[in-house]
Amino acid sequence: MDSGADVSPFTRSDAELLNLELPDGEYRPIMGIVKVMLPTYIHKARMKIGDLQFDTNVAFANSDEVPRLIGRETIFKKFKITFDEANLQTVFETYNKTAD
C-alpha cells in the first residue's frame, strides 16, 4: 500500500467491475511516481473500509498496469492509518464512525 496519491488510482478492470464508462468521468492526467503522465478519468465511487462506507473520487486509468493507491484527499481525513511493514499489515482506525 502506498500513501503518495491525492486521489485513489484504480485500474481499467476495476472500472469495468463497477460498470463505469471511463470517458463519462472527468479527464484528469496525473503524474506518476516515475514522472510519467497517466491519463485517468475521475468518477465518484462508494468505498468501504471496515464498517465505514463513504463516497470518494477515484481516478480510473485506461490501463491495468497501475498500482492501486489510497488517496489522501478523502481517506486520510477519515482514518488513522498505520503501515506496519515488519508484519505486512496496514491498519485503518476510524476517527469518526459516521458515514457520508
PDB file of N, CA and C in Angstrom:
ATOM      1  N   MET A   1       0.846  -1.179   0.000  1.00  0.00           N
ATOM      2  CA  MET A   1       0.000   0.000   0.000  1.00  0.00           C
ATOM      3  C   MET A   1       0.885   1.232   0.000  1.00  0.00           C
ATOM      4  N   ASP A   2       0.435   2.253  -0.629  1.00  0.00           N
ATOM      5  CA  ASP A   2       1.197   3.485  -0.758  1.00  0.00           C
ATOM      6  C   ASP A   2       0.292   4.641  -0.374  1.00  0.00           C
ATOM      7  N   SER A   3       0.893   5.731   0.061  1.00  0.00           N
ATOM      8  CA  SER A   3       0.076   6.859   0.503  1.00  0.00           C
ATOM      9  C   SER A   3       0.436   8.160  -0.201  1.00  0.00           C
ATOM     10  N   GLY A   4       1.082   8.074  -1.356  1.00  0.00           N
ATOM     11  CA  GLY A   4       1.524   9.291  -2.020  1.00  0.00           C
ATOM     12  C   GLY A   4       0.493   9.957  -2.901  1.00  0.00           C
ATOM     13  N   ALA A   5      -0.598   9.307  -3.193  1.00  0.00           N
ATOM     14  CA  ALA A   5      -1.568   9.835  -4.149  1.00  0.00           C
ATOM     15  C   ALA A   5      -2.553  10.791  -3.488  1.00  0.00           C
ATOM     16  N   ASP A   6      -2.941  11.843  -4.215  1.00  0.00           N
ATOM     17  CA  ASP A   6      -4.003  12.736  -3.731  1.00  0.00           C
ATOM     18  C   ASP A   6      -5.355  12.056  -3.855  1.00  0.00           C
ATOM     19  N   VAL A   7      -5.580  11.433  -4.997  1.00  0.00           N
ATOM     20  CA  VAL A   7      -6.827  10.725  -5.269  1.00  0.00           C
ATOM     21  C   VAL A   7      -6.462   9.265  -5.523  1.00  0.00           C
ATOM     22  N   SER A   8      -7.334   8.343  -5.167  1.00  0.00           N
ATOM     23  CA  SER A   8      -7.035   6.917  -5.296  1.00  0.00           C
ATOM     24  C   SER A   8      -7.063   6.468  -6.752  1.00  0.00           C
ATOM     25  N   PRO A   9      -5.928   6.019  -7.308  1.00  0.00           N
ATOM     26  CA  PRO A   9      -5.954   5.476  -8.667  1.00  0.00           C
ATOM     27  C   PRO A   9      -6.293   3.984  -8.650  1.00  0.00           C
ATOM     28  N   PHE A  10      -7.148   3.598  -9.580  1.00  0.00           N
ATOM     29  CA  PHE A  10      -7.536   2.210  -9.752  1.00  0.00           C
ATOM     30  C   PHE A  10      -7.395   1.864 -11.228  1.00  0.00           C
ATOM     31  N   THR A  11      -7.599   0.605 -11.560  1.00  0.00           N
ATOM     32  CA  THR A  11      -7.362   0.123 -12.917  1.00  0.00           C
ATOM     33  C   THR A  11      -8.609   0.198 -13.801  1.00  0.00           C
ATOM     34  N   ARG A  12      -8.372  -0.006 -15.102  1.00  0.00           N
ATOM     35  CA  ARG A  12      -9.472  -0.086 -16.069  1.00  0.00           C
ATOM     36  C   ARG A  12     -10.404  -1.247 -15.707  1.00  0.00           C
ATOM     37  N   SER A  13      -9.839  -2.379 -15.285  1.00  0.00           N
ATOM     38  CA  SER A  13     -10.658  -3.538 -14.900  1.00  0.00           C
ATOM     39  C   SER A  13     -11.533  -3.230 -13.690  1.00  0.00           C
ATOM     40  N   ASP A  14     -11.025  -2.417 -12.767  1.00  0.00           N
ATOM     41  CA  ASP A  14     -11.840  -2.005 -11.613  1.00  0.00           C
ATOM     42  C   ASP A  14     -13.051  -1.209 -12.091  1.00  0.00           C
ATOM     43  N   ALA A  15     -12.843  -0.310 -13.040  1.00  0.00           N
ATOM     44  CA  ALA A  15     -13.954   0.485 -13.587  1.00  0.00           C
ATOM     45  C   ALA A  15     -14.978  -0.424 -14.260  1.00  0.00           C
ATOM     46  N   GLU A  16     -14.495  -1.417 -14.987  1.00  0.00           N
ATOM     47  CA  GLU A  16     -15.395  -2.355 -15.658  1.00  0.00           C
ATOM     48  C   GLU A  16     -16.226  -3.143 -14.650  1.00  0.00           C
ATOM     49  N   LEU A  17     -15.611  -3.555 -13.537  1.00  0.00           N
ATOM     50  CA  LEU A  17     -16.346  -4.275 -12.487  1.00  0.00           C
ATOM     51  C   LEU A  17     -17.475  -3.429 -11.905  1.00  0.00           C
ATOM     52  N   LEU A  18     -17.263  -2.100 -11.884  1.00  0.00           N
ATOM     53  CA  LEU A  18     -18.270  -1.184 -11.348  1.00  0.00           C
ATOM     54  C   LEU A  18     -19.210  -0.652 -12.430  1.00  0.00           C
ATOM     55  N   ASN A  19     -19.094  -1.210 -13.638  1.00  0.00           N
ATOM     56  CA  ASN A  19     -19.915  -0.787 -14.785  1.00  0.00           C
ATOM     57  C   ASN A  19     -19.783   0.701 -15.091  1.00  0.00           C
ATOM     58  N   LEU A  20     -18.560   1.220 -14.972  1.00  0.00           N
ATOM     59  CA  LEU A  20     -18.298   2.624 -15.284  1.00  0.00           C
ATOM     60  C   LEU A  20     -17.677   2.739 -16.668  1.00  0.00           C
ATOM     61  N   GLU A  21     -18.131   3.707 -17.422  1.00  0.00           N
ATOM     62  CA  GLU A  21     -17.519   4.025 -18.708  1.00  0.00           C
ATOM     63  C   GLU A  21     -16.465   5.095 -18.453  1.00  0.00           C
ATOM     64  N   LEU A  22     -15.198   4.792 -18.706  1.00  0.00           N
ATOM     65  CA  LEU A  22     -14.129   5.738 -18.392  1.00  0.00           C
ATOM     66  C   LEU A  22     -14.381   7.146 -18.908  1.00  0.00           C
ATOM     67  N   PRO A  23     -14.718   7.327 -20.203  1.00  0.00           N
ATOM     68  CA  PRO A  23     -14.872   8.691 -20.720  1.00  0.00           C
ATOM     69  C   PRO A  23     -16.032   9.483 -20.106  1.00  0.00           C
ATOM     70  N   ASP A  24     -16.912   8.805 -19.361  1.00  0.00           N
ATOM     71  CA  ASP A  24     -18.003   9.527 -18.688  1.00  0.00           C
ATOM     72  C   ASP A  24     -17.486  10.331 -17.498  1.00  0.00           C
ATOM     73  N   GLY A  25     -16.297  10.000 -17.022  1.00  0.00           N
ATOM     74  CA  GLY A  25     -15.710  10.723 -15.898  1.00  0.00           C
ATOM     75  C   GLY A  25     -14.962  11.963 -16.356  1.00  0.00           C
ATOM     76  N   GLU A  26     -14.492  12.723 -15.400  1.00  0.00           N
ATOM     77  CA  GLU A  26     -13.703  13.929 -15.684  1.00  0.00           C
ATOM     78  C   GLU A  26     -12.284  13.508 -16.037  1.00  0.00           C
ATOM     79  N   TYR A  27     -11.821  13.887 -17.227  1.00  0.00           N
ATOM     80  CA  TYR A  27     -10.461  13.555 -17.638  1.00  0.00           C
ATOM     81  C   TYR A  27      -9.473  14.336 -16.776  1.00  0.00           C
ATOM     82  N   ARG A  28      -8.539  13.608 -16.156  1.00  0.00           N
ATOM     83  CA  ARG A  28      -7.521  14.270 -15.342  1.00  0.00           C
ATOM     84  C   ARG A  28      -6.220  13.480 -15.428  1.00  0.00           C
ATOM     85  N   PRO A  29      -5.246  13.976 -16.175  1.00  0.00           N
ATOM     86  CA  PRO A  29      -3.952  13.294 -16.191  1.00  0.00           C
ATOM     87  C   PRO A  29      -3.258  13.502 -14.846  1.00  0.00           C
ATOM     88  N   ILE A  30      -2.660  12.447 -14.320  1.00  0.00           N
ATOM     89  CA  ILE A  30      -1.937  12.556 -13.056  1.00  0.00           C
ATOM     90  C   ILE A  30      -0.488  12.133 -13.278  1.00  0.00           C
ATOM     91  N   MET A  31       0.391  12.721 -12.492  1.00  0.00           N
ATOM     92  CA  MET A  31       1.816  12.426 -12.606  1.00  0.00           C
ATOM     93  C   MET A  31       2.146  11.211 -11.748  1.00  0.00           C
ATOM     94  N   GLY A  32       2.739  10.206 -12.371  1.00  0.00           N
ATOM     95  CA  GLY A  32       3.122   9.001 -11.653  1.00  0.00           C
ATOM     96  C   GLY A  32       4.430   9.188 -10.902  1.00  0.00           C
ATOM     97  N   ILE A  33       4.787   8.187 -10.137  1.00  0.00           N
ATOM     98  CA  ILE A  33       5.985   8.250  -9.309  1.00  0.00           C
ATOM     99  C   ILE A  33       7.258   8.390 -10.141  1.00  0.00           C
ATOM    100  N   VAL A  34       7.246   7.868 -11.362  1.00  0.00           N
ATOM    101  CA  VAL A  34       8.416   7.982 -12.236  1.00  0.00           C
ATOM    102  C   VAL A  34       8.293   9.181 -13.179  1.00  0.00           C
ATOM    103  N   LYS A  35       7.448  10.132 -12.789  1.00  0.00           N
ATOM    104  CA  LYS A  35       7.269  11.387 -13.529  1.00  0.00           C
ATOM    105  C   LYS A  35       6.740  11.177 -14.947  1.00  0.00           C
ATOM    106  N   VAL A  36       5.856  10.205 -15.097  1.00  0.00           N
ATOM    107  CA  VAL A  36       5.183   9.948 -16.366  1.00  0.00           C
ATOM    108  C   VAL A  36       3.714  10.301 -16.193  1.00  0.00           C
ATOM    109  N   MET A  37       3.154  11.053 -17.146  1.00  0.00           N
ATOM    110  CA  MET A  37       1.739  11.417 -17.096  1.00  0.00           C
ATOM    111  C   MET A  37       0.877  10.192 -17.368  1.00  0.00           C
ATOM    112  N   LEU A  38      -0.092   9.983 -16.512  1.00  0.00           N
ATOM    113  CA  LEU A  38      -1.019   8.870 -16.646  1.00  0.00           C
ATOM    114  C   LEU A  38      -2.415   9.439 -16.886  1.00  0.00           C
ATOM    115  N   PRO A  39      -3.019   9.143 -18.045  1.00  0.00           N
ATOM    116  CA  PRO A  39      -4.376   9.620 -18.279  1.00  0.00           C
ATOM    117  C   PRO A  39      -5.364   8.858 -17.401  1.00  0.00           C
ATOM    118  N   THR A  40      -6.189   9.581 -16.654  1.00  0.00           N
ATOM    119  CA  THR A  40      -7.204   8.950 -15.812  1.00  0.00           C
ATOM    120  C   THR A  40      -8.528   9.679 -15.973  1.00  0.00           C
ATOM    121  N   TYR A  41      -9.582   9.039 -15.492  1.00  0.00           N
ATOM    122  CA  TYR A  41     -10.926   9.594 -15.510  1.00  0.00           C
ATOM    123  C   TYR A  41     -11.480   9.510 -14.092  1.00  0.00           C
ATOM    124  N   ILE A  42     -11.884  10.653 -13.553  1.00  0.00           N
ATOM    125  CA  ILE A  42     -12.375  10.719 -12.179  1.00  0.00           C
ATOM    126  C   ILE A  42     -13.852  10.368 -12.132  1.00  0.00           C
ATOM    127  N   HIS A  43     -14.168   9.422 -11.276  1.00  0.00           N
ATOM    128  CA  HIS A  43     -15.550   9.024 -11.021  1.00  0.00           C
ATOM    129  C   HIS A  43     -15.770   9.025  -9.514  1.00  0.00           C
ATOM    130  N   LYS A  44     -16.969   9.356  -9.096  1.00  0.00           N
ATOM    131  CA  LYS A  44     -17.365   9.228  -7.695  1.00  0.00           C
ATOM    132  C   LYS A  44     -17.666   7.754  -7.457  1.00  0.00           C
ATOM    133  N   ALA A  45     -17.107   7.201  -6.405  1.00  0.00           N
ATOM    134  CA  ALA A  45     -17.327   5.790  -6.094  1.00  0.00           C
ATOM    135  C   ALA A  45     -17.610   5.634  -4.608  1.00  0.00           C
ATOM    136  N   ARG A  46     -18.395   4.649  -4.279  1.00  0.00           N
ATOM    137  CA  ARG A  46     -18.697   4.312  -2.888  1.00  0.00           C
ATOM    138  C   ARG A  46     -17.620   3.332  -2.434  1.00  0.00           C
ATOM    139  N   MET A  47     -16.949   3.658  -1.348  1.00  0.00           N
ATOM    140  CA  MET A  47     -15.864   2.829  -0.839  1.00  0.00           C
ATOM    141  C   MET A  47     -16.229   2.355   0.563  1.00  0.00           C
ATOM    142  N   LYS A  48     -15.783   1.165   0.892  1.00  0.00           N
ATOM    143  CA  LYS A  48     -16.000   0.639   2.233  1.00  0.00           C
ATOM    144  C   LYS A  48     -14.668   0.150   2.777  1.00  0.00           C
ATOM    145  N   ILE A  49     -14.300   0.682   3.927  1.00  0.00           N
ATOM    146  CA  ILE A  49     -13.125   0.216   4.653  1.00  0.00           C
ATOM    147  C   ILE A  49     -13.610  -0.122   6.051  1.00  0.00           C
ATOM    148  N   GLY A  50     -13.491  -1.384   6.431  1.00  0.00           N
ATOM    149  CA  GLY A  50     -14.047  -1.830   7.707  1.00  0.00           C
ATOM    150  C   GLY A  50     -15.556  -1.660   7.675  1.00  0.00           C
ATOM    151  N   ASP A  51     -16.112  -0.999   8.695  1.00  0.00           N
ATOM    152  CA  ASP A  51     -17.552  -0.771   8.765  1.00  0.00           C
ATOM    153  C   ASP A  51     -17.961   0.575   8.176  1.00  0.00           C
ATOM    154  N   LEU A  52     -17.006   1.394   7.779  1.00  0.00           N
ATOM    155  CA  LEU A  52     -17.302   2.746   7.299  1.00  0.00           C
ATOM    156  C   LEU A  52     -17.440   2.772   5.781  1.00  0.00           C
ATOM    157  N   GLN A  53     -18.576   3.298   5.303  1.00  0.00           N
ATOM    158  CA  GLN A  53     -18.808   3.489   3.873  1.00  0.00           C
ATOM    159  C   GLN A  53     -18.849   4.974   3.594  1.00  0.00           C
ATOM    160  N   PHE A  54     -18.278   5.376   2.449  1.00  0.00           N
ATOM    161  CA  PHE A  54     -18.242   6.796   2.099  1.00  0.00           C
ATOM    162  C   PHE A  54     -18.024   6.937   0.599  1.00  0.00           C
ATOM    163  N   ASP A  55     -18.383   8.108   0.077  1.00  0.00           N
ATOM    164  CA  ASP A  55     -18.148   8.429  -1.326  1.00  0.00           C
ATOM    165  C   ASP A  55     -16.801   9.125  -1.450  1.00  0.00           C
ATOM    166  N   THR A  56     -16.085   8.795  -2.503  1.00  0.00           N
ATOM    167  CA  THR A  56     -14.792   9.417  -2.750  1.00  0.00           C
ATOM    168  C   THR A  56     -14.536   9.469  -4.250  1.00  0.00           C
ATOM    169  N   ASN A  57     -13.667  10.364  -4.656  1.00  0.00           N
ATOM    170  CA  ASN A  57     -13.247  10.413  -6.050  1.00  0.00           C
ATOM    171  C   ASN A  57     -12.184   9.352  -6.281  1.00  0.00           C
ATOM    172  N   VAL A  58     -12.325   8.633  -7.392  1.00  0.00           N
ATOM    173  CA  VAL A  58     -11.361   7.614  -7.773  1.00  0.00           C
ATOM    174  C   VAL A  58     -10.900   7.937  -9.191  1.00  0.00           C
ATOM    175  N   ALA A  59      -9.581   7.859  -9.410  1.00  0.00           N
ATOM    176  CA  ALA A  59      -9.003   8.093 -10.732  1.00  0.00           C
ATOM    177  C   ALA A  59      -8.808   6.742 -11.407  1.00  0.00           C
ATOM    178  N   PHE A  60      -9.666   6.426 -12.363  1.00  0.00           N
ATOM    179  CA  PHE A  60      -9.565   5.161 -13.075  1.00  0.00           C
ATOM    180  C   PHE A  60      -8.683   5.358 -14.300  1.00  0.00           C
ATOM    181  N   ALA A  61      -7.627   4.568 -14.386  1.00  0.00           N
ATOM    182  CA  ALA A  61      -6.702   4.639 -15.519  1.00  0.00           C
ATOM    183  C   ALA A  61      -7.228   3.781 -16.658  1.00  0.00           C
ATOM    184  N   ASN A  62      -6.803   4.109 -17.861  1.00  0.00           N
ATOM    185  CA  ASN A  62      -7.167   3.301 -19.024  1.00  0.00           C
ATOM    186  C   ASN A  62      -6.099   2.218 -19.214  1.00  0.00           C
ATOM    187  N   SER A  63      -5.774   1.553 -18.120  1.00  0.00           N
ATOM    188  CA  SER A  63      -4.735   0.532 -18.110  1.00  0.00           C
ATOM    189  C   SER A  63      -4.931  -0.341 -16.872  1.00  0.00           C
ATOM    190  N   ASP A  64      -4.433  -1.561 -16.957  1.00  0.00           N
ATOM    191  CA  ASP A  64      -4.432  -2.423 -15.779  1.00  0.00           C
ATOM    192  C   ASP A  64      -3.049  -2.476 -15.141  1.00  0.00           C
ATOM    193  N   GLU A  65      -2.113  -1.738 -15.715  1.00  0.00           N
ATOM    194  CA  GLU A  65      -0.737  -1.712 -15.213  1.00  0.00           C
ATOM    195  C   GLU A  65      -0.524  -0.516 -14.294  1.00  0.00           C
ATOM    196  N   VAL A  66      -1.466  -0.312 -13.381  1.00  0.00           N
ATOM    197  CA  VAL A  66      -1.428   0.830 -12.469  1.00  0.00           C
ATOM    198  C   VAL A  66      -1.521   0.304 -11.044  1.00  0.00           C
ATOM    199  N   PRO A  67      -0.625   0.740 -10.155  1.00  0.00           N
ATOM    200  CA  PRO A  67      -0.768   0.300  -8.765  1.00  0.00           C
ATOM    201  C   PRO A  67      -1.973   0.976  -8.114  1.00  0.00           C
ATOM    202  N   ARG A  68      -2.692   0.240  -7.305  1.00  0.00           N
ATOM    203  CA  ARG A  68      -3.802   0.823  -6.542  1.00  0.00           C
ATOM    204  C   ARG A  68      -3.215   1.496  -5.304  1.00  0.00           C
ATOM    205  N   LEU A  69      -3.530   2.760  -5.137  1.00  0.00           N
ATOM    206  CA  LEU A  69      -3.014   3.542  -4.021  1.00  0.00           C
ATOM    207  C   LEU A  69      -4.179   4.134  -3.247  1.00  0.00           C
ATOM    208  N   ILE A  70      -3.960   4.449  -1.983  1.00  0.00           N
ATOM    209  CA  ILE A  70      -5.012   5.121  -1.222  1.00  0.00           C
ATOM    210  C   ILE A  70      -4.784   6.621  -1.320  1.00  0.00           C
ATOM    211  N   GLY A  71      -5.833   7.321  -1.672  1.00  0.00           N
ATOM    212  CA  GLY A  71      -5.741   8.761  -1.874  1.00  0.00           C
ATOM    213  C   GLY A  71      -5.912   9.545  -0.588  1.00  0.00           C
ATOM    214  N   ARG A  72      -5.056  10.521  -0.413  1.00  0.00           N
ATOM    215  CA  ARG A  72      -5.106  11.355   0.792  1.00  0.00           C
ATOM    216  C   ARG A  72      -6.328  12.265   0.804  1.00  0.00           C
ATOM    217  N   GLU A  73      -6.840  12.619  -0.364  1.00  0.00           N
ATOM    218  CA  GLU A  73      -7.918  13.604  -0.488  1.00  0.00           C
ATOM    219  C   GLU A  73      -9.107  13.303   0.420  1.00  0.00           C
ATOM    220  N   THR A  74      -9.544  12.085   0.492  1.00  0.00           N
ATOM    221  CA  THR A  74     -10.707  11.709   1.304  1.00  0.00           C
ATOM    222  C   THR A  74     -10.338  10.761   2.430  1.00  0.00           C
ATOM    223  N   ILE A  75      -9.603   9.733   2.125  1.00  0.00           N
ATOM    224  CA  ILE A  75      -9.389   8.627   3.054  1.00  0.00           C
ATOM    225  C   ILE A  75      -8.590   9.037   4.283  1.00  0.00           C
ATOM    226  N   PHE A  76      -7.566   9.866   4.108  1.00  0.00           N
ATOM    227  CA  PHE A  76      -6.733  10.235   5.252  1.00  0.00           C
ATOM    228  C   PHE A  76      -7.472  11.111   6.256  1.00  0.00           C
ATOM    229  N   LYS A  77      -8.559  11.737   5.832  1.00  0.00           N
ATOM    230  CA  LYS A  77      -9.359  12.551   6.756  1.00  0.00           C
ATOM    231  C   LYS A  77     -10.247  11.690   7.645  1.00  0.00           C
ATOM    232  N   LYS A  78     -10.489  10.459   7.237  1.00  0.00           N
ATOM    233  CA  LYS A  78     -11.413   9.585   7.949  1.00  0.00           C
ATOM    234  C   LYS A  78     -10.717   8.545   8.828  1.00  0.00           C
ATOM    235  N   PHE A  79      -9.436   8.280   8.565  1.00  0.00           N
ATOM    236  CA  PHE A  79      -8.747   7.198   9.253  1.00  0.00           C
ATOM    237  C   PHE A  79      -7.370   7.604   9.751  1.00  0.00           C
ATOM    238  N   LYS A  80      -6.979   7.013  10.862  1.00  0.00           N
ATOM    239  CA  LYS A  80      -5.580   6.999  11.273  1.00  0.00           C
ATOM    240  C   LYS A  80      -5.038   5.717  10.655  1.00  0.00           C
ATOM    241  N   ILE A  81      -4.017   5.828   9.825  1.00  0.00           N
ATOM    242  CA  ILE A  81      -3.513   4.679   9.077  1.00  0.00           C
ATOM    243  C   ILE A  81      -2.095   4.363   9.535  1.00  0.00           C
ATOM    244  N   THR A  82      -1.881   3.100   9.891  1.00  0.00           N
ATOM    245  CA  THR A  82      -0.571   2.645  10.322  1.00  0.00           C
ATOM    246  C   THR A  82      -0.059   1.615   9.322  1.00  0.00           C
ATOM    247  N   PHE A  83       1.110   1.870   8.763  1.00  0.00           N
ATOM    248  CA  PHE A  83       1.767   0.928   7.868  1.00  0.00           C
ATOM    249  C   PHE A  83       2.777   0.140   8.699  1.00  0.00           C
ATOM    250  N   ASP A  84       2.474  -1.110   8.972  1.00  0.00           N
ATOM    251  CA  ASP A  84       3.328  -1.972   9.776  1.00  0.00           C
ATOM    252  C   ASP A  84       4.049  -2.922   8.820  1.00  0.00           C
ATOM    253  N   GLU A  85       5.155  -2.452   8.265  1.00  0.00           N
ATOM    254  CA  GLU A  85       5.867  -3.246   7.264  1.00  0.00           C
ATOM    255  C   GLU A  85       6.467  -4.517   7.847  1.00  0.00           C
ATOM    256  N   ALA A  86       6.903  -4.472   9.094  1.00  0.00           N
ATOM    257  CA  ALA A  86       7.509  -5.656   9.707  1.00  0.00           C
ATOM    258  C   ALA A  86       6.527  -6.830   9.736  1.00  0.00           C
ATOM    259  N   ASN A  87       5.243  -6.538   9.926  1.00  0.00           N
ATOM    260  CA  ASN A  87       4.214  -7.580   9.981  1.00  0.00           C
ATOM    261  C   ASN A  87       3.347  -7.635   8.733  1.00  0.00           C
ATOM    262  N   LEU A  88       3.731  -6.852   7.696  1.00  0.00           N
ATOM    263  CA  LEU A  88       2.994  -6.811   6.431  1.00  0.00           C
ATOM    264  C   LEU A  88       1.512  -6.498   6.645  1.00  0.00           C
ATOM    265  N   GLN A  89       1.243  -5.478   7.488  1.00  0.00           N
ATOM    266  CA  GLN A  89      -0.131  -5.090   7.793  1.00  0.00           C
ATOM    267  C   GLN A  89      -0.313  -3.595   7.586  1.00  0.00           C
ATOM    268  N   THR A  90      -1.511  -3.239   7.175  1.00  0.00           N
ATOM    269  CA  THR A  90      -1.940  -1.847   7.139  1.00  0.00           C
ATOM    270  C   THR A  90      -3.192  -1.770   8.003  1.00  0.00           C
ATOM    271  N   VAL A  91      -3.166  -0.906   9.012  1.00  0.00           N
ATOM    272  CA  VAL A  91      -4.263  -0.821   9.972  1.00  0.00           C
ATOM    273  C   VAL A  91      -4.983   0.513   9.788  1.00  0.00           C
ATOM    274  N   PHE A  92      -6.316   0.451   9.624  1.00  0.00           N
ATOM    275  CA  PHE A  92      -7.159   1.635   9.495  1.00  0.00           C
ATOM    276  C   PHE A  92      -7.971   1.781  10.772  1.00  0.00           C
ATOM    277  N   GLU A  93      -7.803   2.891  11.472  1.00  0.00           N
ATOM    278  CA  GLU A  93      -8.606   3.185  12.659  1.00  0.00           C
ATOM    279  C   GLU A  93      -9.460   4.404  12.336  1.00  0.00           C
ATOM    280  N   THR A  94     -10.761   4.312  12.594  1.00  0.00           N
ATOM    281  CA  THR A  94     -11.653   5.415  12.259  1.00  0.00           C
ATOM    282  C   THR A  94     -11.567   6.520  13.316  1.00  0.00           C
ATOM    283  N   TYR A  95     -11.614   7.767  12.819  1.00  0.00           N
ATOM    284  CA  TYR A  95     -11.708   8.924  13.697  1.00  0.00           C
ATOM    285  C   TYR A  95     -13.152   9.147  14.101  1.00  0.00           C
ATOM    286  N   ASN A  96     -14.060   8.758  13.175  1.00  0.00           N
ATOM    287  CA  ASN A  96     -15.458   9.109  13.304  1.00  0.00           C
ATOM    288  C   ASN A  96     -16.253   8.012  12.618  1.00  0.00           C
ATOM    289  N   LYS A  97     -17.208   7.424  13.282  1.00  0.00           N
ATOM    290  CA  LYS A  97     -17.953   6.276  12.767  1.00  0.00           C
ATOM    291  C   LYS A  97     -19.090   6.653  11.815  1.00  0.00           C
ATOM    292  N   THR A  98     -19.315   7.940  11.549  1.00  0.00           N
ATOM    293  CA  THR A  98     -20.451   8.313  10.702  1.00  0.00           C
ATOM    294  C   THR A  98     -20.071   8.206   9.239  1.00  0.00           C
ATOM    295  N   ALA A  99     -20.981   7.698   8.449  1.00  0.00           N
ATOM    296  CA  ALA A  99     -20.789   7.610   7.013  1.00  0.00           C
ATOM    297  C   ALA A  99     -21.307   8.870   6.354  1.00  0.00           C
ATOM    298  N   ASP A 100     -20.842   9.115   5.139  1.00  0.00           N
ATOM    299  CA  ASP A 100     -21.309  10.282   4.375  1.00  0.00           C
ATOM    300  C   ASP A 100     -22.638  10.001   3.725  1.00  0.00           C
TER     301      ASP A 100
END
